[in-house]
Amino acid sequence: MFVIVTYDVAQKRVTKTMKICRKYLTHVQNSVFEGIITEAKLNKLKNELKKVIVPADDSIYIYEIQNTKYTRKESIGVIRHKDNIL
C-alpha cells in the first residue's frame, strides 16, 4: 500500500521521529514522508513512533492509500525528492 506520514512533534523528538520514518519511507518535505510499504512494516513503523512521541503534545497522521489508480501527485515549487511514486 502507499502511505503518507506527517508529523508535528516537539523539537527534541524531531530527529528521532525523522530517523524512524526514514527507515521505511522517502522524506519528501519537512515532517512529511511517503512510500510503498507492507502492512507488517507499517505496523513496525507505528510501534516505533508510539515509543518516541508524547501523545499529549505530539501528533502523527498516517494516510493509507490502498489503490493509487485514481490518485495524482502535483508538486509546486522546490521538489526535495525526484521520485514520483504516484
PDB file of N, CA and C in Angstrom:
ATOM      1  N   MET A   1       0.832  -1.172   0.000  1.00  0.00           N
ATOM      2  CA  MET A   1       0.000   0.000   0.000  1.00  0.00           C
ATOM      3  C   MET A   1       0.877   1.234   0.000  1.00  0.00           C
ATOM      4  N   PHE A   2       0.314   2.353  -0.443  1.00  0.00           N
ATOM      5  CA  PHE A   2       1.023   3.624  -0.445  1.00  0.00           C
ATOM      6  C   PHE A   2       0.632   4.383   0.814  1.00  0.00           C
ATOM      7  N   VAL A   3       1.621   4.987   1.481  1.00  0.00           N
ATOM      8  CA  VAL A   3       1.380   5.654   2.759  1.00  0.00           C
ATOM      9  C   VAL A   3       2.005   7.046   2.740  1.00  0.00           C
ATOM     10  N   ILE A   4       1.298   7.991   3.345  1.00  0.00           N
ATOM     11  CA  ILE A   4       1.839   9.323   3.592  1.00  0.00           C
ATOM     12  C   ILE A   4       1.827   9.527   5.100  1.00  0.00           C
ATOM     13  N   VAL A   5       2.967   9.917   5.657  1.00  0.00           N
ATOM     14  CA  VAL A   5       3.074  10.171   7.094  1.00  0.00           C
ATOM     15  C   VAL A   5       3.471  11.629   7.291  1.00  0.00           C
ATOM     16  N   THR A   6       2.707  12.327   8.120  1.00  0.00           N
ATOM     17  CA  THR A   6       3.053  13.694   8.503  1.00  0.00           C
ATOM     18  C   THR A   6       3.120  13.757  10.021  1.00  0.00           C
ATOM     19  N   TYR A   7       3.980  14.595  10.530  1.00  0.00           N
ATOM     20  CA  TYR A   7       4.073  14.690  11.986  1.00  0.00           C
ATOM     21  C   TYR A   7       4.348  16.115  12.436  1.00  0.00           C
ATOM     22  N   ASP A   8       3.898  16.400  13.638  1.00  0.00           N
ATOM     23  CA  ASP A   8       4.156  17.661  14.322  1.00  0.00           C
ATOM     24  C   ASP A   8       4.525  17.280  15.750  1.00  0.00           C
ATOM     25  N   VAL A   9       5.811  17.202  16.010  1.00  0.00           N
ATOM     26  CA  VAL A   9       6.294  16.745  17.318  1.00  0.00           C
ATOM     27  C   VAL A   9       7.193  17.816  17.934  1.00  0.00           C
ATOM     28  N   ALA A  10       7.386  17.737  19.233  1.00  0.00           N
ATOM     29  CA  ALA A  10       8.268  18.670  19.928  1.00  0.00           C
ATOM     30  C   ALA A  10       9.674  18.607  19.335  1.00  0.00           C
ATOM     31  N   GLN A  11      10.341  19.747  19.313  1.00  0.00           N
ATOM     32  CA  GLN A  11      11.666  19.854  18.695  1.00  0.00           C
ATOM     33  C   GLN A  11      12.630  18.769  19.168  1.00  0.00           C
ATOM     34  N   LYS A  12      12.592  18.427  20.445  1.00  0.00           N
ATOM     35  CA  LYS A  12      13.541  17.439  20.964  1.00  0.00           C
ATOM     36  C   LYS A  12      13.268  16.022  20.468  1.00  0.00           C
ATOM     37  N   ARG A  13      12.105  15.792  19.841  1.00  0.00           N
ATOM     38  CA  ARG A  13      11.774  14.467  19.307  1.00  0.00           C
ATOM     39  C   ARG A  13      11.760  14.416  17.777  1.00  0.00           C
ATOM     40  N   VAL A  14      12.039  15.541  17.135  1.00  0.00           N
ATOM     41  CA  VAL A  14      12.003  15.599  15.670  1.00  0.00           C
ATOM     42  C   VAL A  14      13.018  14.653  15.046  1.00  0.00           C
ATOM     43  N   THR A  15      14.251  14.675  15.499  1.00  0.00           N
ATOM     44  CA  THR A  15      15.299  13.846  14.898  1.00  0.00           C
ATOM     45  C   THR A  15      14.992  12.363  15.039  1.00  0.00           C
ATOM     46  N   LYS A  16      14.558  11.937  16.204  1.00  0.00           N
ATOM     47  CA  LYS A  16      14.215  10.522  16.401  1.00  0.00           C
ATOM     48  C   LYS A  16      13.056  10.121  15.500  1.00  0.00           C
ATOM     49  N   THR A  17      12.044  10.975  15.424  1.00  0.00           N
ATOM     50  CA  THR A  17      10.875  10.685  14.587  1.00  0.00           C
ATOM     51  C   THR A  17      11.282  10.586  13.125  1.00  0.00           C
ATOM     52  N   MET A  18      12.104  11.518  12.671  1.00  0.00           N
ATOM     53  CA  MET A  18      12.564  11.526  11.288  1.00  0.00           C
ATOM     54  C   MET A  18      13.379  10.276  10.963  1.00  0.00           C
ATOM     55  N   LYS A  19      14.269   9.875  11.852  1.00  0.00           N
ATOM     56  CA  LYS A  19      15.095   8.687  11.611  1.00  0.00           C
ATOM     57  C   LYS A  19      14.247   7.421  11.512  1.00  0.00           C
ATOM     58  N   ILE A  20      13.224   7.330  12.324  1.00  0.00           N
ATOM     59  CA  ILE A  20      12.333   6.167  12.262  1.00  0.00           C
ATOM     60  C   ILE A  20      11.609   6.143  10.922  1.00  0.00           C
ATOM     61  N   CYS A  21      11.049   7.267  10.523  1.00  0.00           N
ATOM     62  CA  CYS A  21      10.314   7.326   9.253  1.00  0.00           C
ATOM     63  C   CYS A  21      11.220   7.030   8.065  1.00  0.00           C
ATOM     64  N   ARG A  22      12.469   7.511   8.116  1.00  0.00           N
ATOM     65  CA  ARG A  22      13.428   7.282   7.023  1.00  0.00           C
ATOM     66  C   ARG A  22      13.740   5.808   6.804  1.00  0.00           C
ATOM     67  N   LYS A  23      13.620   5.002   7.838  1.00  0.00           N
ATOM     68  CA  LYS A  23      13.892   3.567   7.697  1.00  0.00           C
ATOM     69  C   LYS A  23      12.872   2.896   6.782  1.00  0.00           C
ATOM     70  N   TYR A  24      11.697   3.478   6.661  1.00  0.00           N
ATOM     71  CA  TYR A  24      10.604   2.823   5.948  1.00  0.00           C
ATOM     72  C   TYR A  24      10.100   3.590   4.722  1.00  0.00           C
ATOM     73  N   LEU A  25      10.273   4.914   4.710  1.00  0.00           N
ATOM     74  CA  LEU A  25       9.653   5.743   3.679  1.00  0.00           C
ATOM     75  C   LEU A  25      10.637   6.773   3.130  1.00  0.00           C
ATOM     76  N   THR A  26      10.210   7.509   2.112  1.00  0.00           N
ATOM     77  CA  THR A  26      11.018   8.546   1.482  1.00  0.00           C
ATOM     78  C   THR A  26      10.650   9.907   2.062  1.00  0.00           C
ATOM     79  N   HIS A  27      11.664  10.667   2.452  1.00  0.00           N
ATOM     80  CA  HIS A  27      11.468  12.012   3.002  1.00  0.00           C
ATOM     81  C   HIS A  27      11.196  12.968   1.846  1.00  0.00           C
ATOM     82  N   VAL A  28       9.999  13.551   1.792  1.00  0.00           N
ATOM     83  CA  VAL A  28       9.646  14.415   0.663  1.00  0.00           C
ATOM     84  C   VAL A  28       9.533  15.886   1.036  1.00  0.00           C
ATOM     85  N   GLN A  29       9.276  16.191   2.290  1.00  0.00           N
ATOM     86  CA  GLN A  29       9.207  17.570   2.776  1.00  0.00           C
ATOM     87  C   GLN A  29       9.485  17.562   4.263  1.00  0.00           C
ATOM     88  N   ASN A  30       9.640  18.743   4.839  1.00  0.00           N
ATOM     89  CA  ASN A  30       9.798  18.804   6.292  1.00  0.00           C
ATOM     90  C   ASN A  30       8.615  18.112   6.947  1.00  0.00           C
ATOM     91  N   SER A  31       8.884  17.132   7.757  1.00  0.00           N
ATOM     92  CA  SER A  31       7.861  16.396   8.521  1.00  0.00           C
ATOM     93  C   SER A  31       6.874  15.620   7.656  1.00  0.00           C
ATOM     94  N   VAL A  32       7.253  15.297   6.418  1.00  0.00           N
ATOM     95  CA  VAL A  32       6.381  14.521   5.524  1.00  0.00           C
ATOM     96  C   VAL A  32       7.191  13.415   4.858  1.00  0.00           C
ATOM     97  N   PHE A  33       6.658  12.201   4.934  1.00  0.00           N
ATOM     98  CA  PHE A  33       7.265  11.033   4.299  1.00  0.00           C
ATOM     99  C   PHE A  33       6.202  10.311   3.494  1.00  0.00           C
ATOM    100  N   GLU A  34       6.632   9.602   2.451  1.00  0.00           N
ATOM    101  CA  GLU A  34       5.690   8.818   1.655  1.00  0.00           C
ATOM    102  C   GLU A  34       6.405   7.608   1.083  1.00  0.00           C
ATOM    103  N   GLY A  35       5.610   6.633   0.654  1.00  0.00           N
ATOM    104  CA  GLY A  35       6.194   5.473   0.004  1.00  0.00           C
ATOM    105  C   GLY A  35       5.312   4.251   0.072  1.00  0.00           C
ATOM    106  N   ILE A  36       5.750   3.229  -0.621  1.00  0.00           N
ATOM    107  CA  ILE A  36       5.050   1.946  -0.630  1.00  0.00           C
ATOM    108  C   ILE A  36       5.607   1.119   0.519  1.00  0.00           C
ATOM    109  N   ILE A  37       4.718   0.506   1.275  1.00  0.00           N
ATOM    110  CA  ILE A  37       5.111  -0.218   2.477  1.00  0.00           C
ATOM    111  C   ILE A  37       4.156  -1.391   2.687  1.00  0.00           C
ATOM    112  N   THR A  38       4.669  -2.473   3.232  1.00  0.00           N
ATOM    113  CA  THR A  38       3.804  -3.617   3.544  1.00  0.00           C
ATOM    114  C   THR A  38       3.057  -3.347   4.847  1.00  0.00           C
ATOM    115  N   GLU A  39       2.012  -4.096   5.070  1.00  0.00           N
ATOM    116  CA  GLU A  39       1.234  -3.972   6.306  1.00  0.00           C
ATOM    117  C   GLU A  39       2.109  -4.258   7.528  1.00  0.00           C
ATOM    118  N   ALA A  40       2.966  -5.273   7.423  1.00  0.00           N
ATOM    119  CA  ALA A  40       3.848  -5.634   8.540  1.00  0.00           C
ATOM    120  C   ALA A  40       4.827  -4.506   8.863  1.00  0.00           C
ATOM    121  N   LYS A  41       5.427  -3.918   7.832  1.00  0.00           N
ATOM    122  CA  LYS A  41       6.369  -2.824   8.065  1.00  0.00           C
ATOM    123  C   LYS A  41       5.652  -1.575   8.571  1.00  0.00           C
ATOM    124  N   LEU A  42       4.435  -1.360   8.105  1.00  0.00           N
ATOM    125  CA  LEU A  42       3.655  -0.227   8.602  1.00  0.00           C
ATOM    126  C   LEU A  42       3.382  -0.383  10.094  1.00  0.00           C
ATOM    127  N   ASN A  43       3.068  -1.587  10.512  1.00  0.00           N
ATOM    128  CA  ASN A  43       2.843  -1.843  11.938  1.00  0.00           C
ATOM    129  C   ASN A  43       4.115  -1.605  12.754  1.00  0.00           C
ATOM    130  N   LYS A  44       5.269  -2.014  12.204  1.00  0.00           N
ATOM    131  CA  LYS A  44       6.547  -1.755  12.880  1.00  0.00           C
ATOM    132  C   LYS A  44       6.793  -0.249  12.996  1.00  0.00           C
ATOM    133  N   LEU A  45       6.540   0.454  11.909  1.00  0.00           N
ATOM    134  CA  LEU A  45       6.709   1.903  11.900  1.00  0.00           C
ATOM    135  C   LEU A  45       5.840   2.558  12.978  1.00  0.00           C
ATOM    136  N   LYS A  46       4.577   2.186  13.025  1.00  0.00           N
ATOM    137  CA  LYS A  46       3.655   2.747  14.018  1.00  0.00           C
ATOM    138  C   LYS A  46       4.125   2.456  15.439  1.00  0.00           C
ATOM    139  N   ASN A  47       4.549   1.225  15.681  1.00  0.00           N
ATOM    140  CA  ASN A  47       5.011   0.853  17.025  1.00  0.00           C
ATOM    141  C   ASN A  47       6.252   1.640  17.441  1.00  0.00           C
ATOM    142  N   GLU A  48       7.178   1.829  16.507  1.00  0.00           N
ATOM    143  CA  GLU A  48       8.379   2.600  16.817  1.00  0.00           C
ATOM    144  C   GLU A  48       8.039   4.058  17.106  1.00  0.00           C
ATOM    145  N   LEU A  49       7.121   4.612  16.324  1.00  0.00           N
ATOM    146  CA  LEU A  49       6.734   6.008  16.531  1.00  0.00           C
ATOM    147  C   LEU A  49       6.018   6.198  17.865  1.00  0.00           C
ATOM    148  N   LYS A  50       5.195   5.239  18.233  1.00  0.00           N
ATOM    149  CA  LYS A  50       4.462   5.328  19.505  1.00  0.00           C
ATOM    150  C   LYS A  50       5.404   5.364  20.701  1.00  0.00           C
ATOM    151  N   LYS A  51       6.575   4.740  20.556  1.00  0.00           N
ATOM    152  CA  LYS A  51       7.551   4.717  21.648  1.00  0.00           C
ATOM    153  C   LYS A  51       8.292   6.050  21.802  1.00  0.00           C
ATOM    154  N   VAL A  52       8.278   6.871  20.764  1.00  0.00           N
ATOM    155  CA  VAL A  52       9.045   8.111  20.759  1.00  0.00           C
ATOM    156  C   VAL A  52       8.198   9.333  21.127  1.00  0.00           C
ATOM    157  N   ILE A  53       6.967   9.370  20.676  1.00  0.00           N
ATOM    158  CA  ILE A  53       6.170  10.577  20.863  1.00  0.00           C
ATOM    159  C   ILE A  53       5.521  10.647  22.246  1.00  0.00           C
ATOM    160  N   VAL A  54       5.073  11.834  22.566  1.00  0.00           N
ATOM    161  CA  VAL A  54       4.269  12.074  23.767  1.00  0.00           C
ATOM    162  C   VAL A  54       2.876  12.439  23.255  1.00  0.00           C
ATOM    163  N   PRO A  55       1.911  11.515  23.344  1.00  0.00           N
ATOM    164  CA  PRO A  55       0.588  11.730  22.752  1.00  0.00           C
ATOM    165  C   PRO A  55      -0.114  13.021  23.189  1.00  0.00           C
ATOM    166  N   ALA A  56       0.167  13.498  24.377  1.00  0.00           N
ATOM    167  CA  ALA A  56      -0.469  14.730  24.848  1.00  0.00           C
ATOM    168  C   ALA A  56       0.098  15.976  24.162  1.00  0.00           C
ATOM    169  N   ASP A  57       1.306  15.852  23.584  1.00  0.00           N
ATOM    170  CA  ASP A  57       1.976  17.004  22.977  1.00  0.00           C
ATOM    171  C   ASP A  57       2.193  16.882  21.471  1.00  0.00           C
ATOM    172  N   ASP A  58       2.339  15.682  20.964  1.00  0.00           N
ATOM    173  CA  ASP A  58       2.726  15.446  19.572  1.00  0.00           C
ATOM    174  C   ASP A  58       1.578  14.850  18.767  1.00  0.00           C
ATOM    175  N   SER A  59       1.682  14.990  17.436  1.00  0.00           N
ATOM    176  CA  SER A  59       0.684  14.337  16.580  1.00  0.00           C
ATOM    177  C   SER A  59       1.348  13.777  15.329  1.00  0.00           C
ATOM    178  N   ILE A  60       0.837  12.637  14.909  1.00  0.00           N
ATOM    179  CA  ILE A  60       1.291  11.980  13.683  1.00  0.00           C
ATOM    180  C   ILE A  60       0.047  11.567  12.917  1.00  0.00           C
ATOM    181  N   TYR A  61       0.019  11.895  11.620  1.00  0.00           N
ATOM    182  CA  TYR A  61      -1.077  11.476  10.754  1.00  0.00           C
ATOM    183  C   TYR A  61      -0.523  10.480   9.747  1.00  0.00           C
ATOM    184  N   ILE A  62      -1.221   9.367   9.584  1.00  0.00           N
ATOM    185  CA  ILE A  62      -0.818   8.337   8.628  1.00  0.00           C
ATOM    186  C   ILE A  62      -1.975   8.116   7.668  1.00  0.00           C
ATOM    187  N   TYR A  63      -1.740   8.416   6.400  1.00  0.00           N
ATOM    188  CA  TYR A  63      -2.747   8.232   5.361  1.00  0.00           C
ATOM    189  C   TYR A  63      -2.403   6.962   4.594  1.00  0.00           C
ATOM    190  N   GLU A  64      -3.306   6.004   4.599  1.00  0.00           N
ATOM    191  CA  GLU A  64      -3.105   4.742   3.890  1.00  0.00           C
ATOM    192  C   GLU A  64      -3.937   4.768   2.614  1.00  0.00           C
ATOM    193  N   ILE A  65      -3.268   4.566   1.486  1.00  0.00           N
ATOM    194  CA  ILE A  65      -3.939   4.572   0.189  1.00  0.00           C
ATOM    195  C   ILE A  65      -3.802   3.179  -0.399  1.00  0.00           C
ATOM    196  N   GLN A  66      -4.892   2.464  -0.415  1.00  0.00           N
ATOM    197  CA  GLN A  66      -4.875   1.077  -0.882  1.00  0.00           C
ATOM    198  C   GLN A  66      -4.692   0.974  -2.397  1.00  0.00           C
ATOM    199  N   ASN A  67      -5.306   1.895  -3.136  1.00  0.00           N
ATOM    200  CA  ASN A  67      -5.261   1.833  -4.588  1.00  0.00           C
ATOM    201  C   ASN A  67      -4.900   3.218  -5.119  1.00  0.00           C
ATOM    202  N   THR A  68      -3.759   3.346  -5.755  1.00  0.00           N
ATOM    203  CA  THR A  68      -3.323   4.644  -6.263  1.00  0.00           C
ATOM    204  C   THR A  68      -3.788   4.899  -7.695  1.00  0.00           C
ATOM    205  N   LYS A  69      -4.655   4.054  -8.201  1.00  0.00           N
ATOM    206  CA  LYS A  69      -5.112   4.168  -9.587  1.00  0.00           C
ATOM    207  C   LYS A  69      -5.697   5.547  -9.892  1.00  0.00           C
ATOM    208  N   TYR A  70      -6.458   6.097  -8.973  1.00  0.00           N
ATOM    209  CA  TYR A  70      -7.127   7.373  -9.211  1.00  0.00           C
ATOM    210  C   TYR A  70      -6.469   8.524  -8.450  1.00  0.00           C
ATOM    211  N   THR A  71      -5.239   8.329  -8.053  1.00  0.00           N
ATOM    212  CA  THR A  71      -4.521   9.339  -7.290  1.00  0.00           C
ATOM    213  C   THR A  71      -3.508  10.029  -8.191  1.00  0.00           C
ATOM    214  N   ARG A  72      -3.396  11.325  -8.024  1.00  0.00           N
ATOM    215  CA  ARG A  72      -2.432  12.093  -8.804  1.00  0.00           C
ATOM    216  C   ARG A  72      -1.643  12.975  -7.844  1.00  0.00           C
ATOM    217  N   LYS A  73      -0.361  13.092  -8.085  1.00  0.00           N
ATOM    218  CA  LYS A  73       0.500  13.929  -7.249  1.00  0.00           C
ATOM    219  C   LYS A  73       0.986  15.112  -8.074  1.00  0.00           C
ATOM    220  N   GLU A  74       0.808  16.293  -7.528  1.00  0.00           N
ATOM    221  CA  GLU A  74       1.288  17.503  -8.188  1.00  0.00           C
ATOM    222  C   GLU A  74       2.169  18.265  -7.209  1.00  0.00           C
ATOM    223  N   SER A  75       3.320  18.690  -7.669  1.00  0.00           N
ATOM    224  CA  SER A  75       4.238  19.451  -6.826  1.00  0.00           C
ATOM    225  C   SER A  75       4.376  20.856  -7.387  1.00  0.00           C
ATOM    226  N   ILE A  76       4.370  21.841  -6.502  1.00  0.00           N
ATOM    227  CA  ILE A  76       4.559  23.233  -6.896  1.00  0.00           C
ATOM    228  C   ILE A  76       5.735  23.765  -6.086  1.00  0.00           C
ATOM    229  N   GLY A  77       6.711  24.319  -6.764  1.00  0.00           N
ATOM    230  CA  GLY A  77       7.880  24.848  -6.060  1.00  0.00           C
ATOM    231  C   GLY A  77       9.009  23.833  -6.012  1.00  0.00           C
ATOM    232  N   VAL A  78       9.855  23.975  -5.025  1.00  0.00           N
ATOM    233  CA  VAL A  78      11.038  23.123  -4.886  1.00  0.00           C
ATOM    234  C   VAL A  78      10.622  21.685  -4.624  1.00  0.00           C
ATOM    235  N   ILE A  79      11.185  20.766  -5.393  1.00  0.00           N
ATOM    236  CA  ILE A  79      10.916  19.344  -5.214  1.00  0.00           C
ATOM    237  C   ILE A  79      12.124  18.743  -4.507  1.00  0.00           C
ATOM    238  N   ARG A  80      11.903  18.275  -3.289  1.00  0.00           N
ATOM    239  CA  ARG A  80      13.012  17.747  -2.488  1.00  0.00           C
ATOM    240  C   ARG A  80      13.481  16.384  -2.973  1.00  0.00           C
ATOM    241  N   HIS A  81      12.565  15.566  -3.425  1.00  0.00           N
ATOM    242  CA  HIS A  81      12.932  14.213  -3.833  1.00  0.00           C
ATOM    243  C   HIS A  81      12.322  13.967  -5.202  1.00  0.00           C
ATOM    244  N   LYS A  82      13.102  13.498  -6.138  1.00  0.00           N
ATOM    245  CA  LYS A  82      12.662  13.376  -7.526  1.00  0.00           C
ATOM    246  C   LYS A  82      11.731  12.200  -7.790  1.00  0.00           C
ATOM    247  N   ASP A  83      11.628  11.244  -6.867  1.00  0.00           N
ATOM    248  CA  ASP A  83      10.736  10.105  -7.078  1.00  0.00           C
ATOM    249  C   ASP A  83       9.295  10.570  -7.114  1.00  0.00           C
ATOM    250  N   ASN A  84       8.573  10.162  -8.130  1.00  0.00           N
ATOM    251  CA  ASN A  84       7.156  10.477  -8.232  1.00  0.00           C
ATOM    252  C   ASN A  84       6.415   9.150  -8.225  1.00  0.00           C
ATOM    253  N   ILE A  85       6.232   8.596  -7.054  1.00  0.00           N
ATOM    254  CA  ILE A  85       5.678   7.256  -6.906  1.00  0.00           C
ATOM    255  C   ILE A  85       4.259   7.169  -7.416  1.00  0.00           C
ATOM    256  N   LEU A  86       3.480   8.220  -7.155  1.00  0.00           N
ATOM    257  CA  LEU A  86       2.102   8.189  -7.629  1.00  0.00           C
ATOM    258  C   LEU A  86       2.146   8.356  -9.091  1.00  0.00           C
TER     259      LEU A  86
END
